[in-house]
Amino acid sequence: MDRQRDPRGALVRPYAVTRGRTEPLQDIALEAVLVASPTQIAESRFAGHDKHRIATVCEGRPESLAEIAAYTRLPLGVARVLVADMVAEGLLTLQTAAPATGFEERMEMLGRVLSGLREL
């Protein structure tokens, strides 16, 4: 079967990166700000291609989890698992987490994140 025509190829590979895990080690909000230092980027080279790619996206400027997923073209669930792993391993620094807000405020924030992603 031609891999380009096989829809399973696009889904299986990203989740193979997380070894089938769908739940992150820690809950990181979509709008949480992450950054990587030069040392973290150098160390990420030994953590695998996808983790190194994520670290380089966060080099020199803070990025949200949603932006990381968009820039790397990884499914959001996969990016969430990898980013949480990287924070736990010290390969990314979680600058800020989303403050505890109500449903309305959170939906407004997600709307702004989505609008920003569509502009990419």
N, C-alpha and C. Protein backbone atom coordinates (compact mmCIF):
# COMPACT_ATOMS: atom_id res chain seq x y z
N MET A 1 0.85 -1.17 0.00
CA MET A 1 0.00 0.00 0.00
C MET A 1 0.90 1.24 0.00
N ASP A 2 0.57 2.23 -0.82
CA ASP A 2 1.33 3.46 -0.94
C ASP A 2 1.21 4.26 0.36
N ARG A 3 2.37 4.59 0.96
CA ARG A 3 2.36 5.29 2.24
C ARG A 3 1.67 6.66 2.15
N GLN A 4 1.85 7.35 1.02
CA GLN A 4 1.23 8.66 0.87
C GLN A 4 -0.29 8.57 0.82
N ARG A 5 -0.81 7.46 0.40
CA ARG A 5 -2.25 7.29 0.31
C ARG A 5 -2.83 6.59 1.53
N ASP A 6 -1.97 6.05 2.36
CA ASP A 6 -2.42 5.34 3.55
C ASP A 6 -2.61 6.33 4.69
N PRO A 7 -3.86 6.60 5.11
CA PRO A 7 -4.11 7.60 6.16
C PRO A 7 -3.56 7.18 7.51
N ARG A 8 -3.30 5.90 7.72
CA ARG A 8 -2.76 5.45 9.00
C ARG A 8 -1.34 5.93 9.23
N GLY A 9 -0.57 6.13 8.16
CA GLY A 9 0.82 6.55 8.29
C GLY A 9 0.96 7.89 8.99
N ALA A 10 0.03 8.79 8.74
CA ALA A 10 0.09 10.12 9.35
C ALA A 10 -0.26 10.07 10.83
N LEU A 11 -1.00 9.08 11.27
CA LEU A 11 -1.40 9.02 12.67
C LEU A 11 -0.49 8.14 13.51
N VAL A 12 0.00 7.08 12.95
CA VAL A 12 0.78 6.12 13.73
C VAL A 12 2.13 6.70 14.11
N ARG A 13 2.84 7.32 13.21
CA ARG A 13 4.18 7.79 13.48
C ARG A 13 4.25 8.78 14.64
N PRO A 14 3.43 9.84 14.70
CA PRO A 14 3.54 10.77 15.83
C PRO A 14 3.30 10.10 17.18
N TYR A 15 2.35 9.21 17.26
CA TYR A 15 2.08 8.56 18.54
C TYR A 15 3.13 7.51 18.87
N ALA A 16 3.88 7.06 17.87
CA ALA A 16 5.00 6.17 18.14
C ALA A 16 6.10 6.94 18.86
N VAL A 17 6.21 8.24 18.60
CA VAL A 17 7.20 9.09 19.26
C VAL A 17 6.97 9.12 20.76
N THR A 18 5.72 9.08 21.18
CA THR A 18 5.39 9.10 22.61
C THR A 18 5.22 7.69 23.17
N ARG A 19 5.55 6.69 22.36
CA ARG A 19 5.39 5.28 22.73
C ARG A 19 3.95 4.97 23.10
N GLY A 20 3.03 5.63 22.39
CA GLY A 20 1.61 5.37 22.59
C GLY A 20 0.99 6.13 23.76
N ARG A 21 1.80 6.86 24.51
CA ARG A 21 1.25 7.62 25.63
C ARG A 21 0.42 8.78 25.13
N THR A 22 -0.70 8.99 25.75
CA THR A 22 -1.56 10.12 25.38
C THR A 22 -1.72 11.11 26.52
N GLU A 23 -1.27 10.75 27.70
CA GLU A 23 -1.37 11.63 28.86
C GLU A 23 0.02 12.16 29.23
N PRO A 24 0.16 13.48 29.37
CA PRO A 24 1.46 14.05 29.75
C PRO A 24 1.79 13.78 31.21
N LEU A 25 3.07 13.89 31.54
CA LEU A 25 3.53 13.71 32.92
C LEU A 25 2.97 14.80 33.84
N GLN A 26 2.80 15.99 33.31
CA GLN A 26 2.19 17.09 34.05
C GLN A 26 1.29 17.85 33.10
N ASP A 27 0.26 18.45 33.63
CA ASP A 27 -0.69 19.19 32.81
C ASP A 27 -0.10 20.55 32.48
N ILE A 28 0.11 20.81 31.20
CA ILE A 28 0.62 22.10 30.75
C ILE A 28 -0.46 22.72 29.87
N ALA A 29 -0.86 23.92 30.23
CA ALA A 29 -1.92 24.62 29.49
C ALA A 29 -1.44 24.98 28.09
N LEU A 30 -2.39 25.09 27.16
CA LEU A 30 -2.06 25.44 25.78
C LEU A 30 -1.32 26.77 25.68
N GLU A 31 -1.66 27.69 26.56
CA GLU A 31 -1.06 29.02 26.49
C GLU A 31 0.16 29.17 27.41
N ALA A 32 0.58 28.09 28.04
CA ALA A 32 1.76 28.13 28.90
C ALA A 32 2.98 28.53 28.07
N VAL A 33 3.85 29.34 28.64
CA VAL A 33 5.02 29.87 27.93
C VAL A 33 6.24 29.02 28.28
N LEU A 34 6.92 28.56 27.23
CA LEU A 34 8.10 27.70 27.40
C LEU A 34 9.28 28.33 26.67
N VAL A 35 10.46 28.09 27.20
CA VAL A 35 11.67 28.63 26.60
C VAL A 35 12.80 27.63 26.77
N ALA A 36 13.78 27.68 25.86
CA ALA A 36 14.95 26.79 25.94
C ALA A 36 16.21 27.63 25.91
N SER A 37 17.11 27.35 26.83
CA SER A 37 18.41 28.02 26.88
C SER A 37 19.36 27.34 25.90
N PRO A 38 20.48 27.97 25.57
CA PRO A 38 21.47 27.31 24.70
C PRO A 38 21.93 25.96 25.25
N THR A 39 22.09 25.86 26.56
CA THR A 39 22.49 24.58 27.17
C THR A 39 21.41 23.53 26.97
N GLN A 40 20.16 23.91 27.18
CA GLN A 40 19.06 22.96 27.00
C GLN A 40 18.96 22.51 25.54
N ILE A 41 19.20 23.42 24.62
CA ILE A 41 19.16 23.05 23.20
C ILE A 41 20.26 22.06 22.87
N ALA A 42 21.46 22.31 23.40
CA ALA A 42 22.57 21.38 23.17
C ALA A 42 22.26 20.00 23.74
N GLU A 43 21.69 19.95 24.94
CA GLU A 43 21.34 18.68 25.56
C GLU A 43 20.21 17.97 24.82
N SER A 44 19.31 18.73 24.22
CA SER A 44 18.17 18.12 23.52
C SER A 44 18.60 17.35 22.28
N ARG A 45 19.79 17.62 21.77
CA ARG A 45 20.28 16.89 20.60
C ARG A 45 20.39 15.40 20.88
N PHE A 46 20.56 15.04 22.15
CA PHE A 46 20.70 13.63 22.52
C PHE A 46 19.38 13.01 22.95
N ALA A 47 18.29 13.79 22.91
CA ALA A 47 16.98 13.30 23.36
C ALA A 47 16.10 12.86 22.20
N GLY A 48 16.56 13.01 20.99
CA GLY A 48 15.77 12.61 19.83
C GLY A 48 15.43 13.79 18.94
N HIS A 49 15.13 13.48 17.70
CA HIS A 49 14.88 14.50 16.69
C HIS A 49 13.73 15.43 17.06
N ASP A 50 12.60 14.87 17.48
CA ASP A 50 11.42 15.69 17.76
C ASP A 50 11.65 16.61 18.95
N LYS A 51 12.29 16.12 19.99
CA LYS A 51 12.56 16.96 21.16
C LYS A 51 13.55 18.06 20.82
N HIS A 52 14.54 17.74 20.00
CA HIS A 52 15.49 18.77 19.59
C HIS A 52 14.79 19.84 18.74
N ARG A 53 13.90 19.41 17.88
CA ARG A 53 13.15 20.36 17.05
C ARG A 53 12.31 21.28 17.93
N ILE A 54 11.67 20.73 18.95
CA ILE A 54 10.87 21.54 19.88
C ILE A 54 11.76 22.54 20.60
N ALA A 55 12.92 22.09 21.06
CA ALA A 55 13.83 23.00 21.77
C ALA A 55 14.28 24.14 20.88
N THR A 56 14.58 23.86 19.63
CA THR A 56 15.03 24.92 18.73
C THR A 56 13.91 25.92 18.43
N VAL A 57 12.67 25.47 18.44
CA VAL A 57 11.54 26.39 18.26
C VAL A 57 11.50 27.40 19.41
N CYS A 58 11.88 26.96 20.60
CA CYS A 58 11.84 27.81 21.79
C CYS A 58 13.15 28.55 22.03
N GLU A 59 14.07 28.48 21.08
CA GLU A 59 15.37 29.14 21.23
C GLU A 59 15.23 30.64 20.99
N GLY A 60 15.65 31.41 21.97
CA GLY A 60 15.67 32.86 21.80
C GLY A 60 14.35 33.57 21.99
N ARG A 61 13.27 32.82 22.05
CA ARG A 61 11.97 33.47 22.29
C ARG A 61 11.01 32.46 22.92
N PRO A 62 10.24 32.93 23.87
CA PRO A 62 9.26 32.05 24.52
C PRO A 62 8.13 31.70 23.55
N GLU A 63 7.68 30.48 23.63
CA GLU A 63 6.58 30.01 22.78
C GLU A 63 5.55 29.30 23.64
N SER A 64 4.30 29.36 23.22
CA SER A 64 3.25 28.63 23.92
C SER A 64 3.23 27.18 23.42
N LEU A 65 2.61 26.32 24.18
CA LEU A 65 2.47 24.92 23.78
C LEU A 65 1.74 24.84 22.44
N ALA A 66 0.70 25.64 22.27
CA ALA A 66 -0.06 25.63 21.02
C ALA A 66 0.82 26.06 19.84
N GLU A 67 1.67 27.06 20.05
CA GLU A 67 2.57 27.50 18.97
C GLU A 67 3.60 26.44 18.65
N ILE A 68 4.11 25.77 19.66
CA ILE A 68 5.08 24.69 19.44
C ILE A 68 4.48 23.60 18.57
N ALA A 69 3.25 23.22 18.87
CA ALA A 69 2.57 22.19 18.07
C ALA A 69 2.41 22.66 16.63
N ALA A 70 2.05 23.92 16.45
CA ALA A 70 1.85 24.45 15.10
C ALA A 70 3.16 24.51 14.32
N TYR A 71 4.20 25.03 14.93
CA TYR A 71 5.49 25.17 14.24
C TYR A 71 6.10 23.82 13.89
N THR A 72 5.96 22.84 14.76
CA THR A 72 6.55 21.52 14.51
C THR A 72 5.64 20.61 13.71
N ARG A 73 4.40 21.04 13.52
CA ARG A 73 3.38 20.25 12.80
C ARG A 73 3.12 18.90 13.46
N LEU A 74 3.26 18.88 14.78
CA LEU A 74 2.92 17.68 15.55
C LEU A 74 1.49 17.83 16.04
N PRO A 75 0.75 16.73 16.13
CA PRO A 75 -0.58 16.81 16.74
C PRO A 75 -0.44 17.37 18.16
N LEU A 76 -1.43 18.16 18.57
CA LEU A 76 -1.37 18.83 19.86
C LEU A 76 -1.15 17.84 21.01
N GLY A 77 -1.81 16.69 20.97
CA GLY A 77 -1.65 15.69 22.02
C GLY A 77 -0.22 15.17 22.11
N VAL A 78 0.40 14.97 20.97
CA VAL A 78 1.79 14.50 20.92
C VAL A 78 2.72 15.58 21.46
N ALA A 79 2.50 16.82 21.00
CA ALA A 79 3.33 17.94 21.47
C ALA A 79 3.19 18.11 22.98
N ARG A 80 1.99 17.96 23.49
CA ARG A 80 1.76 18.12 24.94
C ARG A 80 2.55 17.07 25.73
N VAL A 81 2.55 15.83 25.26
CA VAL A 81 3.30 14.77 25.95
C VAL A 81 4.80 15.03 25.87
N LEU A 82 5.30 15.37 24.68
CA LEU A 82 6.74 15.61 24.52
C LEU A 82 7.20 16.82 25.33
N VAL A 83 6.43 17.90 25.30
CA VAL A 83 6.81 19.11 26.05
C VAL A 83 6.82 18.83 27.55
N ALA A 84 5.82 18.12 28.05
CA ALA A 84 5.79 17.77 29.48
C ALA A 84 7.00 16.91 29.84
N ASP A 85 7.37 15.97 28.97
CA ASP A 85 8.56 15.16 29.20
C ASP A 85 9.81 16.04 29.24
N MET A 86 9.88 16.99 28.31
CA MET A 86 11.05 17.86 28.23
C MET A 86 11.17 18.76 29.45
N VAL A 87 10.06 19.24 29.97
CA VAL A 87 10.09 20.05 31.19
C VAL A 87 10.59 19.18 32.35
N ALA A 88 10.09 17.97 32.45
CA ALA A 88 10.51 17.05 33.52
C ALA A 88 11.99 16.69 33.40
N GLU A 89 12.50 16.61 32.16
CA GLU A 89 13.90 16.25 31.92
C GLU A 89 14.84 17.45 31.98
N GLY A 90 14.28 18.64 32.14
CA GLY A 90 15.10 19.86 32.19
C GLY A 90 15.52 20.37 30.84
N LEU A 91 14.86 19.93 29.77
CA LEU A 91 15.21 20.36 28.41
C LEU A 91 14.43 21.60 27.98
N LEU A 92 13.38 21.95 28.71
CA LEU A 92 12.60 23.17 28.49
C LEU A 92 12.28 23.77 29.85
N THR A 93 12.13 25.07 29.87
CA THR A 93 11.75 25.75 31.10
C THR A 93 10.34 26.29 30.93
N LEU A 94 9.49 25.95 31.87
CA LEU A 94 8.12 26.45 31.89
C LEU A 94 8.16 27.81 32.56
N GLN A 95 8.01 28.88 31.76
CA GLN A 95 8.10 30.25 32.28
C GLN A 95 6.88 30.62 33.11
N THR A 96 5.72 30.41 32.51
CA THR A 96 4.48 30.73 33.22
C THR A 96 3.45 29.70 32.86
N ALA A 97 2.63 29.42 33.80
CA ALA A 97 1.49 28.55 33.55
C ALA A 97 0.25 29.44 33.57
N ALA A 98 -0.79 28.99 32.96
CA ALA A 98 -2.02 29.77 32.92
C ALA A 98 -2.59 29.92 34.33
N PRO A 99 -2.99 31.12 34.68
CA PRO A 99 -3.61 31.29 36.00
C PRO A 99 -4.96 30.60 36.05
N ALA A 100 -5.36 30.26 37.26
CA ALA A 100 -6.67 29.64 37.43
C ALA A 100 -7.75 30.67 37.06
N THR A 101 -8.51 30.37 36.04
CA THR A 101 -9.56 31.28 35.58
C THR A 101 -10.83 30.49 35.38
N GLY A 102 -11.88 31.23 35.18
CA GLY A 102 -13.15 30.60 34.91
C GLY A 102 -13.25 30.11 33.49
N PHE A 103 -14.33 29.41 33.20
CA PHE A 103 -14.54 28.83 31.87
C PHE A 103 -14.56 29.90 30.79
N GLU A 104 -15.25 31.00 31.03
CA GLU A 104 -15.38 32.08 30.03
C GLU A 104 -14.00 32.65 29.67
N GLU A 105 -13.19 32.95 30.69
CA GLU A 105 -11.87 33.52 30.45
C GLU A 105 -10.98 32.54 29.69
N ARG A 106 -11.06 31.28 30.05
CA ARG A 106 -10.24 30.27 29.38
C ARG A 106 -10.65 30.11 27.92
N MET A 107 -11.93 30.12 27.65
CA MET A 107 -12.40 30.00 26.26
C MET A 107 -11.98 31.22 25.45
N GLU A 108 -12.00 32.39 26.06
CA GLU A 108 -11.54 33.60 25.37
C GLU A 108 -10.06 33.50 25.03
N MET A 109 -9.27 33.01 25.99
CA MET A 109 -7.83 32.84 25.78
C MET A 109 -7.57 31.83 24.66
N LEU A 110 -8.28 30.73 24.67
CA LEU A 110 -8.11 29.72 23.62
C LEU A 110 -8.50 30.29 22.26
N GLY A 111 -9.51 31.13 22.23
CA GLY A 111 -9.91 31.78 20.98
C GLY A 111 -8.81 32.67 20.44
N ARG A 112 -8.14 33.40 21.33
CA ARG A 112 -7.04 34.26 20.90
C ARG A 112 -5.86 33.43 20.40
N VAL A 113 -5.58 32.32 21.07
CA VAL A 113 -4.50 31.44 20.62
C VAL A 113 -4.81 30.88 19.24
N LEU A 114 -6.04 30.42 19.04
CA LEU A 114 -6.45 29.89 17.73
C LEU A 114 -6.34 30.94 16.65
N SER A 115 -6.77 32.15 16.94
CA SER A 115 -6.67 33.25 15.95
C SER A 115 -5.22 33.49 15.57
N GLY A 116 -4.35 33.48 16.58
CA GLY A 116 -2.93 33.67 16.30
C GLY A 116 -2.34 32.56 15.45
N LEU A 117 -2.76 31.33 15.71
CA LEU A 117 -2.26 30.19 14.93
C LEU A 117 -2.74 30.26 13.49
N ARG A 118 -3.94 30.75 13.27
CA ARG A 118 -4.46 30.85 11.90
C ARG A 118 -3.72 31.88 11.08
N GLU A 119 -3.10 32.85 11.76
CA GLU A 119 -2.34 33.88 11.06
C GLU A 119 -0.99 33.39 10.59
N LEU A 120 -0.54 32.23 11.11
CA LEU A 120 0.78 31.70 10.73
C LEU A 120 0.80 31.33 9.29
